[in-house]
């Protein structure tokens, strides 16, 4: 039973942890939850690899975090909306770094207008899932050299909005809905953790998906005032959510840090966590829980195969 909850912060979760000697690789690390996760882990002794698409922002974040925490901080430019950029970044990573103990797949895009990645994928599915799918698999040699490695995928309660549509993953035929597309990508993040766990648990590598909570970060840059009002109304209309507000960024990073370090998760994986605890299974509760379609092992395998085909690579473990 976790001793943490909705109000816990990343610093509180890591208060009794010593991450000296551990290396954390964090995508989307120069702002929002990624930046706070990196800062909190660096403050507890972790060496950091900050990844993102903007080199100048990465360098600024690295300096800020390094100056504040004294951590060793390195950067790696990677655009998750480009398979070519991901492959180039992974090649650099394998040449520059010795190992990775914690891979935090944090970067993402939410509720954007219909857009395409450099390779023609719907932007939310392409960035949130396919980009991390390829990067994670290409970084596997570094994870295999890590000590008790963990992979944490940032999902969302948004996975309640939709399952994965295998007949049209990239909205080639069906009408585009920005929230359903976000929901599909967040369900994919959970299914990816399930598939990773199936393949890697016997190697001592475990994978998790987490819902950080509702947080106002630049992830919401595509939201208009009506979108934000609707989000607040949805939270307040659920009985269990009455009185709850959006989380702060330090609170939002807490579940990521918990999944990456909690001793009670040792030798366990393929799980979905929220509020620093393993979530209940529910197909009806609007205020929380994980939907059964997001943990379905057959769907996870189907998504893995489809993802390999889309990125043009096969990964066998």
C-alpha atoms as a PDB file:
ATOM      1  CA  UNK A   1       0.000   0.000   0.000  1.00  0.00           C
ATOM      2  CA  UNK A   2       1.504   3.340  -1.051  1.00  0.00           C
ATOM      3  CA  UNK A   3       1.941   5.962   1.627  1.00  0.00           C
ATOM      4  CA  UNK A   4       1.665   8.723  -0.989  1.00  0.00           C
ATOM      5  CA  UNK A   5      -1.349  10.179  -2.755  1.00  0.00           C
ATOM      6  CA  UNK A   6      -2.935  13.016  -4.717  1.00  0.00           C
ATOM      7  CA  UNK A   7      -1.105  15.792  -2.869  1.00  0.00           C
ATOM      8  CA  UNK A   8       2.345  14.180  -2.798  1.00  0.00           C
ATOM      9  CA  UNK A   9       5.165  15.929  -4.625  1.00  0.00           C
ATOM     10  CA  UNK A  10       8.136  14.485  -6.486  1.00  0.00           C
ATOM     11  CA  UNK A  11      10.464  15.618  -3.694  1.00  0.00           C
ATOM     12  CA  UNK A  12       8.303  13.920  -1.062  1.00  0.00           C
ATOM     13  CA  UNK A  13       8.216  10.660  -3.010  1.00  0.00           C
ATOM     14  CA  UNK A  14      11.998  10.694  -3.393  1.00  0.00           C
ATOM     15  CA  UNK A  15      12.770  11.992   0.106  1.00  0.00           C
ATOM     16  CA  UNK A  16      14.255   8.734   1.387  1.00  0.00           C
ATOM     17  CA  UNK A  17      15.754   7.613  -1.950  1.00  0.00           C
ATOM     18  CA  UNK A  18      19.414   7.693  -2.968  1.00  0.00           C
ATOM     19  CA  UNK A  19      19.750   7.712  -6.749  1.00  0.00           C
ATOM     20  CA  UNK A  20      23.532   8.098  -6.757  1.00  0.00           C
ATOM     21  CA  UNK A  21      24.989   6.033  -9.569  1.00  0.00           C
ATOM     22  CA  UNK A  22      21.716   5.772 -11.459  1.00  0.00           C
ATOM     23  CA  UNK A  23      21.173   7.392 -14.835  1.00  0.00           C
ATOM     24  CA  UNK A  24      17.745   8.720 -15.838  1.00  0.00           C
ATOM     25  CA  UNK A  25      16.923   9.409 -19.491  1.00  0.00           C
ATOM     26  CA  UNK A  26      13.906  11.739 -19.742  1.00  0.00           C
ATOM     27  CA  UNK A  27      12.106  12.814 -22.915  1.00  0.00           C
ATOM     28  CA  UNK A  28      10.420  16.207 -23.054  1.00  0.00           C
ATOM     29  CA  UNK A  29      12.759  17.227 -20.270  1.00  0.00           C
ATOM     30  CA  UNK A  30      13.175  20.974 -20.713  1.00  0.00           C
ATOM     31  CA  UNK A  31       9.771  22.030 -19.411  1.00  0.00           C
ATOM     32  CA  UNK A  32       6.780  20.980 -17.332  1.00  0.00           C
ATOM     33  CA  UNK A  33       6.695  17.506 -15.814  1.00  0.00           C
ATOM     34  CA  UNK A  34       9.869  16.377 -17.546  1.00  0.00           C
ATOM     35  CA  UNK A  35      11.872  19.259 -16.131  1.00  0.00           C
ATOM     36  CA  UNK A  36      10.495  18.705 -12.624  1.00  0.00           C
ATOM     37  CA  UNK A  37      11.108  14.948 -12.786  1.00  0.00           C
ATOM     38  CA  UNK A  38      14.693  15.587 -13.845  1.00  0.00           C
ATOM     39  CA  UNK A  39      15.258  18.199 -11.139  1.00  0.00           C
ATOM     40  CA  UNK A  40      13.835  15.977  -8.400  1.00  0.00           C
ATOM     41  CA  UNK A  41      15.880  12.969  -9.493  1.00  0.00           C
ATOM     42  CA  UNK A  42      19.020  15.063  -9.898  1.00  0.00           C
ATOM     43  CA  UNK A  43      18.567  16.399  -6.374  1.00  0.00           C
ATOM     44  CA  UNK A  44      18.740  12.812  -5.119  1.00  0.00           C
ATOM     45  CA  UNK A  45      21.976  12.035  -6.932  1.00  0.00           C
ATOM     46  CA  UNK A  46      20.865  10.724 -10.324  1.00  0.00           C
ATOM     47  CA  UNK A  47      22.842  11.496 -13.456  1.00  0.00           C
ATOM     48  CA  UNK A  48      20.526  12.925 -16.091  1.00  0.00           C
ATOM     49  CA  UNK A  49      20.117  12.735 -19.841  1.00  0.00           C
ATOM     50  CA  UNK A  50      17.632  15.372 -20.981  1.00  0.00           C
ATOM     51  CA  UNK A  51      16.066  14.781 -24.380  1.00  0.00           C
ATOM     52  CA  UNK A  52      13.926  17.077 -26.512  1.00  0.00           C
ATOM     53  CA  UNK A  53      13.729  18.624 -29.949  1.00  0.00           C
ATOM     54  CA  UNK A  54      15.009  22.134 -29.099  1.00  0.00           C
ATOM     55  CA  UNK A  55      18.751  22.219 -28.416  1.00  0.00           C
ATOM     56  CA  UNK A  56      18.800  25.694 -26.871  1.00  0.00           C
ATOM     57  CA  UNK A  57      15.985  24.838 -24.447  1.00  0.00           C
ATOM     58  CA  UNK A  58      17.733  21.605 -23.516  1.00  0.00           C
ATOM     59  CA  UNK A  59      20.968  23.441 -22.757  1.00  0.00           C
ATOM     60  CA  UNK A  60      19.144  26.038 -20.657  1.00  0.00           C
ATOM     61  CA  UNK A  61      17.339  23.334 -18.676  1.00  0.00           C
ATOM     62  CA  UNK A  62      20.549  21.399 -18.172  1.00  0.00           C
ATOM     63  CA  UNK A  63      22.283  24.466 -16.756  1.00  0.00           C
ATOM     64  CA  UNK A  64      19.368  25.318 -14.465  1.00  0.00           C
ATOM     65  CA  UNK A  65      19.060  21.796 -13.096  1.00  0.00           C
ATOM     66  CA  UNK A  66      22.797  21.297 -12.829  1.00  0.00           C
ATOM     67  CA  UNK A  67      23.295  24.573 -10.962  1.00  0.00           C
ATOM     68  CA  UNK A  68      20.434  23.813  -8.560  1.00  0.00           C
ATOM     69  CA  UNK A  69      21.161  20.164  -7.820  1.00  0.00           C
ATOM     70  CA  UNK A  70      24.822  19.609  -8.633  1.00  0.00           C
ATOM     71  CA  UNK A  71      23.788  16.684 -10.818  1.00  0.00           C
ATOM     72  CA  UNK A  72      25.658  15.580 -13.908  1.00  0.00           C
ATOM     73  CA  UNK A  73      23.355  16.629 -16.747  1.00  0.00           C
ATOM     74  CA  UNK A  74      23.780  15.779 -20.418  1.00  0.00           C
ATOM     75  CA  UNK A  75      21.500  16.523 -23.358  1.00  0.00           C
ATOM     76  CA  UNK A  76      20.380  14.700 -26.491  1.00  0.00           C
ATOM     77  CA  UNK A  77      18.398  16.317 -29.275  1.00  0.00           C
ATOM     78  CA  UNK A  78      15.547  14.094 -30.444  1.00  0.00           C
ATOM     79  CA  UNK A  79      12.336  14.956 -32.273  1.00  0.00           C
ATOM     80  CA  UNK A  80       9.827  12.201 -31.522  1.00  0.00           C
ATOM     81  CA  UNK A  81       7.776  13.246 -34.553  1.00  0.00           C
ATOM     82  CA  UNK A  82      10.571  12.120 -36.896  1.00  0.00           C
ATOM     83  CA  UNK A  83      11.791   8.529 -37.195  1.00  0.00           C
ATOM     84  CA  UNK A  84      15.013   9.818 -38.738  1.00  0.00           C
ATOM     85  CA  UNK A  85      15.677  12.093 -35.765  1.00  0.00           C
ATOM     86  CA  UNK A  86      14.949   9.240 -33.349  1.00  0.00           C
ATOM     87  CA  UNK A  87      17.346   6.893 -35.112  1.00  0.00           C
ATOM     88  CA  UNK A  88      20.075   9.543 -35.169  1.00  0.00           C
ATOM     89  CA  UNK A  89      19.552  10.325 -31.482  1.00  0.00           C
ATOM     90  CA  UNK A  90      19.653   6.656 -30.506  1.00  0.00           C
ATOM     91  CA  UNK A  91      22.876   6.175 -32.450  1.00  0.00           C
ATOM     92  CA  UNK A  92      24.416   9.091 -30.554  1.00  0.00           C
ATOM     93  CA  UNK A  93      23.139   7.748 -27.249  1.00  0.00           C
ATOM     94  CA  UNK A  94      24.687   4.335 -27.792  1.00  0.00           C
ATOM     95  CA  UNK A  95      28.011   6.005 -28.621  1.00  0.00           C
ATOM     96  CA  UNK A  96      27.990   8.509 -25.750  1.00  0.00           C
ATOM     97  CA  UNK A  97      26.386   6.779 -22.774  1.00  0.00           C
ATOM     98  CA  UNK A  98      27.296   3.648 -20.830  1.00  0.00           C
ATOM     99  CA  UNK A  99      23.892   2.664 -19.496  1.00  0.00           C
ATOM    100  CA  UNK A 100      20.393   3.847 -18.620  1.00  0.00           C
ATOM    101  CA  UNK A 101      18.676   2.756 -15.404  1.00  0.00           C
ATOM    102  CA  UNK A 102      15.471   4.773 -15.691  1.00  0.00           C
ATOM    103  CA  UNK A 103      13.821   5.641 -19.006  1.00  0.00           C
ATOM    104  CA  UNK A 104      11.060   8.201 -18.540  1.00  0.00           C
ATOM    105  CA  UNK A 105       8.958   8.501 -21.715  1.00  0.00           C
ATOM    106  CA  UNK A 106       7.480  11.836 -20.706  1.00  0.00           C
ATOM    107  CA  UNK A 107       7.141  13.931 -23.882  1.00  0.00           C
ATOM    108  CA  UNK A 108       3.783  14.309 -25.558  1.00  0.00           C
ATOM    109  CA  UNK A 109       1.258  16.358 -27.457  1.00  0.00           C
ATOM    110  CA  UNK A 110      -2.419  16.743 -26.520  1.00  0.00           C
ATOM    111  CA  UNK A 111      -5.628  17.597 -28.362  1.00  0.00           C
ATOM    112  CA  UNK A 112      -4.020  19.290 -31.340  1.00  0.00           C
ATOM    113  CA  UNK A 113      -5.667  19.961 -34.699  1.00  0.00           C
ATOM    114  CA  UNK A 114      -5.205  17.184 -37.253  1.00  0.00           C
ATOM    115  CA  UNK A 115      -1.504  17.178 -38.048  1.00  0.00           C
ATOM    116  CA  UNK A 116       1.042  14.697 -39.362  1.00  0.00           C
ATOM    117  CA  UNK A 117       4.522  13.718 -38.281  1.00  0.00           C
ATOM    118  CA  UNK A 118       7.449  13.851 -40.675  1.00  0.00           C
ATOM    119  CA  UNK A 119       6.603  10.253 -41.647  1.00  0.00           C
ATOM    120  CA  UNK A 120       2.879  10.840 -42.165  1.00  0.00           C
ATOM    121  CA  UNK A 121       1.504   9.481 -38.880  1.00  0.00           C
ATOM    122  CA  UNK A 122      -1.309  11.262 -37.034  1.00  0.00           C
ATOM    123  CA  UNK A 123       0.665  13.568 -34.748  1.00  0.00           C
ATOM    124  CA  UNK A 124      -0.610  12.408 -31.349  1.00  0.00           C
ATOM    125  CA  UNK A 125      -0.315   8.673 -32.080  1.00  0.00           C
ATOM    126  CA  UNK A 126       2.936   9.220 -33.957  1.00  0.00           C
ATOM    127  CA  UNK A 127       4.608  11.282 -31.226  1.00  0.00           C
ATOM    128  CA  UNK A 128       3.118   9.927 -28.018  1.00  0.00           C
ATOM    129  CA  UNK A 129       3.329   6.253 -28.963  1.00  0.00           C
ATOM    130  CA  UNK A 130       5.296   5.471 -32.126  1.00  0.00           C
ATOM    131  CA  UNK A 131       8.114   7.896 -31.326  1.00  0.00           C
ATOM    132  CA  UNK A 132       8.587   6.406 -27.875  1.00  0.00           C
ATOM    133  CA  UNK A 133       8.143   2.880 -29.227  1.00  0.00           C
ATOM    134  CA  UNK A 134      11.076   3.285 -31.594  1.00  0.00           C
ATOM    135  CA  UNK A 135      13.264   5.239 -29.182  1.00  0.00           C
ATOM    136  CA  UNK A 136      12.740   2.786 -26.323  1.00  0.00           C
ATOM    137  CA  UNK A 137      13.608  -0.209 -28.455  1.00  0.00           C
ATOM    138  CA  UNK A 138      16.696   1.453 -29.921  1.00  0.00           C
ATOM    139  CA  UNK A 139      17.880   2.368 -26.411  1.00  0.00           C
ATOM    140  CA  UNK A 140      17.420  -1.198 -25.153  1.00  0.00           C
ATOM    141  CA  UNK A 141      21.168  -2.027 -25.201  1.00  0.00           C
ATOM    142  CA  UNK A 142      21.685   0.777 -22.646  1.00  0.00           C
ATOM    143  CA  UNK A 143      18.766  -0.384 -20.486  1.00  0.00           C
ATOM    144  CA  UNK A 144      20.083  -3.938 -20.524  1.00  0.00           C
ATOM    145  CA  UNK A 145      23.309  -2.593 -18.984  1.00  0.00           C
ATOM    146  CA  UNK A 146      21.391  -0.732 -16.274  1.00  0.00           C
ATOM    147  CA  UNK A 147      20.807  -1.827 -12.697  1.00  0.00           C
ATOM    148  CA  UNK A 148      17.206  -2.855 -12.006  1.00  0.00           C
ATOM    149  CA  UNK A 149      16.039  -0.819 -15.008  1.00  0.00           C
ATOM    150  CA  UNK A 150      12.551   0.641 -15.197  1.00  0.00           C
ATOM    151  CA  UNK A 151      10.643   2.205 -18.073  1.00  0.00           C
ATOM    152  CA  UNK A 152       7.883   4.690 -17.236  1.00  0.00           C
ATOM    153  CA  UNK A 153       5.421   5.760 -19.945  1.00  0.00           C
ATOM    154  CA  UNK A 154       3.438   8.929 -19.289  1.00  0.00           C
ATOM    155  CA  UNK A 155      -0.147   8.021 -20.105  1.00  0.00           C
ATOM    156  CA  UNK A 156      -3.270   9.799 -18.856  1.00  0.00           C
ATOM    157  CA  UNK A 157      -6.794   9.369 -17.594  1.00  0.00           C
ATOM    158  CA  UNK A 158      -7.432  10.530 -21.141  1.00  0.00           C
ATOM    159  CA  UNK A 159      -7.151   6.856 -22.103  1.00  0.00           C
ATOM    160  CA  UNK A 160     -10.790   6.652 -20.948  1.00  0.00           C
ATOM    161  CA  UNK A 161     -11.686   8.626 -24.083  1.00  0.00           C
ATOM    162  CA  UNK A 162     -10.893   5.894 -26.597  1.00  0.00           C
ATOM    163  CA  UNK A 163      -9.308   2.524 -27.252  1.00  0.00           C
ATOM    164  CA  UNK A 164      -6.890   1.768 -30.096  1.00  0.00           C
ATOM    165  CA  UNK A 165      -8.472   1.569 -33.555  1.00  0.00           C
ATOM    166  CA  UNK A 166      -6.349  -0.981 -35.367  1.00  0.00           C
ATOM    167  CA  UNK A 167      -8.312  -0.573 -38.593  1.00  0.00           C
ATOM    168  CA  UNK A 168      -7.317   3.097 -38.879  1.00  0.00           C
ATOM    169  CA  UNK A 169      -4.566   4.036 -36.441  1.00  0.00           C
ATOM    170  CA  UNK A 170      -3.622   7.239 -38.255  1.00  0.00           C
ATOM    171  CA  UNK A 171      -7.021   8.650 -39.234  1.00  0.00           C
ATOM    172  CA  UNK A 172      -6.641   7.917 -42.908  1.00  0.00           C
ATOM    173  CA  UNK A 173     -10.367   7.257 -43.293  1.00  0.00           C
ATOM    174  CA  UNK A 174     -12.300   8.123 -40.117  1.00  0.00           C
ATOM    175  CA  UNK A 175     -13.265  11.623 -39.042  1.00  0.00           C
ATOM    176  CA  UNK A 176     -10.696  13.238 -36.778  1.00  0.00           C
ATOM    177  CA  UNK A 177     -11.587  14.095 -33.192  1.00  0.00           C
ATOM    178  CA  UNK A 178      -8.706  15.634 -31.256  1.00  0.00           C
ATOM    179  CA  UNK A 179      -9.772  14.175 -27.901  1.00  0.00           C
ATOM    180  CA  UNK A 180     -10.433  10.684 -29.230  1.00  0.00           C
ATOM    181  CA  UNK A 181      -7.038  10.799 -30.948  1.00  0.00           C
ATOM    182  CA  UNK A 182      -5.434  11.793 -27.657  1.00  0.00           C
ATOM    183  CA  UNK A 183      -7.289   8.969 -25.914  1.00  0.00           C
ATOM    184  CA  UNK A 184      -6.061   6.428 -28.465  1.00  0.00           C
ATOM    185  CA  UNK A 185      -2.461   7.557 -28.008  1.00  0.00           C
ATOM    186  CA  UNK A 186      -2.706   7.363 -24.209  1.00  0.00           C
ATOM    187  CA  UNK A 187      -4.237   3.880 -24.364  1.00  0.00           C
ATOM    188  CA  UNK A 188      -1.328   2.938 -26.627  1.00  0.00           C
ATOM    189  CA  UNK A 189       1.120   4.157 -23.970  1.00  0.00           C
ATOM    190  CA  UNK A 190      -0.395   1.693 -21.484  1.00  0.00           C
ATOM    191  CA  UNK A 191      -0.512  -1.198 -23.950  1.00  0.00           C
ATOM    192  CA  UNK A 192       3.140  -0.506 -24.767  1.00  0.00           C
ATOM    193  CA  UNK A 193       4.031  -0.936 -21.093  1.00  0.00           C
ATOM    194  CA  UNK A 194       2.110  -4.224 -21.039  1.00  0.00           C
ATOM    195  CA  UNK A 195       3.955  -5.501 -24.116  1.00  0.00           C
ATOM    196  CA  UNK A 196       7.343  -4.398 -22.778  1.00  0.00           C
ATOM    197  CA  UNK A 197       6.701  -6.211 -19.512  1.00  0.00           C
ATOM    198  CA  UNK A 198       5.846  -9.400 -21.380  1.00  0.00           C
ATOM    199  CA  UNK A 199       9.162  -9.239 -23.239  1.00  0.00           C
ATOM    200  CA  UNK A 200      11.554  -7.861 -20.664  1.00  0.00           C
ATOM    201  CA  UNK A 201      10.519  -8.988 -17.182  1.00  0.00           C
ATOM    202  CA  UNK A 202      12.724 -12.067 -17.370  1.00  0.00           C
ATOM    203  CA  UNK A 203      15.653  -9.706 -18.000  1.00  0.00           C
ATOM    204  CA  UNK A 204      14.840  -7.749 -14.839  1.00  0.00           C
ATOM    205  CA  UNK A 205      13.500  -4.769 -16.803  1.00  0.00           C
ATOM    206  CA  UNK A 206      10.025  -3.595 -15.821  1.00  0.00           C
ATOM    207  CA  UNK A 207       7.632  -1.153 -17.489  1.00  0.00           C
ATOM    208  CA  UNK A 208       4.846   1.044 -16.112  1.00  0.00           C
ATOM    209  CA  UNK A 209       2.316   3.559 -17.368  1.00  0.00           C
ATOM    210  CA  UNK A 210       1.227   6.488 -15.211  1.00  0.00           C
ATOM    211  CA  UNK A 211      -1.458   9.142 -15.068  1.00  0.00           C
ATOM    212  CA  UNK A 212       0.228  12.254 -13.655  1.00  0.00           C
ATOM    213  CA  UNK A 213      -3.035  14.093 -12.982  1.00  0.00           C
ATOM    214  CA  UNK A 214      -4.535  17.254 -14.434  1.00  0.00           C
ATOM    215  CA  UNK A 215      -1.723  19.811 -14.610  1.00  0.00           C
ATOM    216  CA  UNK A 216      -1.493  23.109 -16.459  1.00  0.00           C
ATOM    217  CA  UNK A 217       1.722  22.766 -18.464  1.00  0.00           C
ATOM    218  CA  UNK A 218       2.661  23.509 -22.062  1.00  0.00           C
ATOM    219  CA  UNK A 219       1.144  20.121 -22.935  1.00  0.00           C
ATOM    220  CA  UNK A 220      -2.095  22.089 -23.011  1.00  0.00           C
ATOM    221  CA  UNK A 221      -0.815  24.650 -25.504  1.00  0.00           C
ATOM    222  CA  UNK A 222      -3.446  23.606 -28.065  1.00  0.00           C
ATOM    223  CA  UNK A 223      -6.360  24.002 -25.643  1.00  0.00           C
ATOM    224  CA  UNK A 224      -8.694  26.965 -25.918  1.00  0.00           C
ATOM    225  CA  UNK A 225     -10.682  28.502 -23.068  1.00  0.00           C
ATOM    226  CA  UNK A 226     -13.657  26.227 -23.768  1.00  0.00           C
ATOM    227  CA  UNK A 227     -11.456  23.116 -23.633  1.00  0.00           C
ATOM    228  CA  UNK A 228     -10.102  24.158 -20.232  1.00  0.00           C
ATOM    229  CA  UNK A 229     -13.578  24.986 -18.934  1.00  0.00           C
ATOM    230  CA  UNK A 230     -14.823  21.570 -20.080  1.00  0.00           C
ATOM    231  CA  UNK A 231     -11.938  19.830 -18.306  1.00  0.00           C
ATOM    232  CA  UNK A 232     -12.735  21.620 -15.058  1.00  0.00           C
ATOM    233  CA  UNK A 233     -16.429  20.817 -15.400  1.00  0.00           C
ATOM    234  CA  UNK A 234     -15.679  17.146 -16.015  1.00  0.00           C
ATOM    235  CA  UNK A 235     -13.540  16.947 -12.895  1.00  0.00           C
ATOM    236  CA  UNK A 236     -16.092  18.701 -10.740  1.00  0.00           C
ATOM    237  CA  UNK A 237     -19.028  16.635 -12.029  1.00  0.00           C
ATOM    238  CA  UNK A 238     -17.505  13.404 -10.740  1.00  0.00           C
ATOM    239  CA  UNK A 239     -18.475  12.903  -7.096  1.00  0.00           C
ATOM    240  CA  UNK A 240     -15.079  11.582  -6.075  1.00  0.00           C
ATOM    241  CA  UNK A 241     -13.368  14.545  -7.689  1.00  0.00           C
ATOM    242  CA  UNK A 242     -15.407  17.233  -5.940  1.00  0.00           C
ATOM    243  CA  UNK A 243     -13.095  19.607  -4.150  1.00  0.00           C
ATOM    244  CA  UNK A 244     -10.075  18.467  -6.155  1.00  0.00           C
ATOM    245  CA  UNK A 245      -8.234  20.939  -8.325  1.00  0.00           C
ATOM    246  CA  UNK A 246      -5.585  20.634 -10.995  1.00  0.00           C
ATOM    247  CA  UNK A 247      -2.293  19.404  -9.578  1.00  0.00           C
ATOM    248  CA  UNK A 248       0.817  21.532  -9.364  1.00  0.00           C
ATOM    249  CA  UNK A 249       3.765  20.504 -11.501  1.00  0.00           C
ATOM    250  CA  UNK A 250       5.642  19.047  -8.455  1.00  0.00           C
ATOM    251  CA  UNK A 251       2.523  17.013  -7.616  1.00  0.00           C
ATOM    252  CA  UNK A 252       2.174  15.961 -11.249  1.00  0.00           C
ATOM    253  CA  UNK A 253       5.720  14.571 -11.357  1.00  0.00           C
ATOM    254  CA  UNK A 254       5.190  12.527  -8.187  1.00  0.00           C
ATOM    255  CA  UNK A 255       3.596   9.440  -9.739  1.00  0.00           C
ATOM    256  CA  UNK A 256       6.353   9.250 -12.356  1.00  0.00           C
ATOM    257  CA  UNK A 257       8.987   9.338  -9.612  1.00  0.00           C
ATOM    258  CA  UNK A 258       7.022   6.804  -7.568  1.00  0.00           C
ATOM    259  CA  UNK A 259       6.767   4.326 -10.448  1.00  0.00           C
ATOM    260  CA  UNK A 260      10.475   4.764 -11.176  1.00  0.00           C
ATOM    261  CA  UNK A 261      11.621   4.084  -7.605  1.00  0.00           C
ATOM    262  CA  UNK A 262       8.933   2.474  -5.410  1.00  0.00           C
ATOM    263  CA  UNK A 263      10.301  -0.669  -3.725  1.00  0.00           C
ATOM    264  CA  UNK A 264       6.827  -2.206  -3.681  1.00  0.00           C
ATOM    265  CA  UNK A 265       6.950  -2.367  -7.495  1.00  0.00           C
ATOM    266  CA  UNK A 266      10.126  -4.460  -7.559  1.00  0.00           C
ATOM    267  CA  UNK A 267       9.683  -7.481  -9.845  1.00  0.00           C
ATOM    268  CA  UNK A 268       6.287  -6.136 -10.967  1.00  0.00           C
ATOM    269  CA  UNK A 269       5.315  -4.306 -14.125  1.00  0.00           C
ATOM    270  CA  UNK A 270       2.811  -3.899 -16.906  1.00  0.00           C
ATOM    271  CA  UNK A 271       0.872  -1.713 -14.468  1.00  0.00           C
ATOM    272  CA  UNK A 272      -0.970   1.609 -14.623  1.00  0.00           C
ATOM    273  CA  UNK A 273      -0.575   3.988 -11.687  1.00  0.00           C
ATOM    274  CA  UNK A 274      -2.272   7.193 -10.568  1.00  0.00           C
ATOM    275  CA  UNK A 275      -1.845   9.295  -7.431  1.00  0.00           C
ATOM    276  CA  UNK A 276       1.271   7.290  -6.502  1.00  0.00           C
ATOM    277  CA  UNK A 277      -0.535   3.938  -6.366  1.00  0.00           C
ATOM    278  CA  UNK A 278      -1.477   1.115  -8.704  1.00  0.00           C
ATOM    279  CA  UNK A 279      -4.869   2.047 -10.115  1.00  0.00           C
ATOM    280  CA  UNK A 280      -8.026   0.000  -9.710  1.00  0.00           C
ATOM    281  CA  UNK A 281      -9.443  -1.723 -12.773  1.00  0.00           C
ATOM    282  CA  UNK A 282     -12.696  -0.093 -13.863  1.00  0.00           C
ATOM    283  CA  UNK A 283     -14.593   0.197 -17.108  1.00  0.00           C
ATOM    284  CA  UNK A 284     -17.119   2.683 -15.750  1.00  0.00           C
ATOM    285  CA  UNK A 285     -15.601   4.962 -13.090  1.00  0.00           C
ATOM    286  CA  UNK A 286     -15.154   8.393 -14.746  1.00  0.00           C
ATOM    287  CA  UNK A 287     -13.002   9.679 -11.896  1.00  0.00           C
ATOM    288  CA  UNK A 288     -10.175   7.175 -12.135  1.00  0.00           C
ATOM    289  CA  UNK A 289      -9.017   3.645 -12.711  1.00  0.00           C
ATOM    290  CA  UNK A 290      -7.665   1.867 -15.753  1.00  0.00           C
ATOM    291  CA  UNK A 291      -9.872   0.497 -18.516  1.00  0.00           C
ATOM    292  CA  UNK A 292      -9.644  -3.213 -19.313  1.00  0.00           C
ATOM    293  CA  UNK A 293      -8.942  -2.544 -22.999  1.00  0.00           C
ATOM    294  CA  UNK A 294      -5.740  -0.724 -21.969  1.00  0.00           C
ATOM    295  CA  UNK A 295      -4.353  -3.796 -20.175  1.00  0.00           C
ATOM    296  CA  UNK A 296      -5.478  -6.388 -22.724  1.00  0.00           C
ATOM    297  CA  UNK A 297      -2.467  -8.558 -23.573  1.00  0.00           C
ATOM    298  CA  UNK A 298      -3.791  -9.548 -26.990  1.00  0.00           C
ATOM    299  CA  UNK A 299      -4.296  -5.892 -27.898  1.00  0.00           C
ATOM    300  CA  UNK A 300      -0.803  -5.125 -26.603  1.00  0.00           C
ATOM    301  CA  UNK A 301       0.676  -7.747 -28.916  1.00  0.00           C
ATOM    302  CA  UNK A 302      -1.370  -6.503 -31.844  1.00  0.00           C
ATOM    303  CA  UNK A 303      -0.184  -2.950 -31.198  1.00  0.00           C
ATOM    304  CA  UNK A 304       3.433  -4.117 -30.991  1.00  0.00           C
ATOM    305  CA  UNK A 305       3.189  -5.804 -34.388  1.00  0.00           C
ATOM    306  CA  UNK A 306       1.460  -2.809 -35.961  1.00  0.00           C
ATOM    307  CA  UNK A 307       4.050  -0.460 -34.479  1.00  0.00           C
ATOM    308  CA  UNK A 308       6.933  -2.518 -35.838  1.00  0.00           C
ATOM    309  CA  UNK A 309       5.371  -2.371 -39.289  1.00  0.00           C
ATOM    310  CA  UNK A 310       4.823   1.381 -39.111  1.00  0.00           C
ATOM    311  CA  UNK A 311       8.365   2.225 -37.953  1.00  0.00           C
ATOM    312  CA  UNK A 312       9.915  -0.312 -40.295  1.00  0.00           C
ATOM    313  CA  UNK A 313      11.831  -2.341 -37.723  1.00  0.00           C
ATOM    314  CA  UNK A 314      11.467  -5.632 -35.843  1.00  0.00           C
ATOM    315  CA  UNK A 315      12.537  -6.031 -32.228  1.00  0.00           C
ATOM    316  CA  UNK A 316      12.940  -9.504 -30.732  1.00  0.00           C
ATOM    317  CA  UNK A 317      13.706 -10.148 -27.072  1.00  0.00           C
END
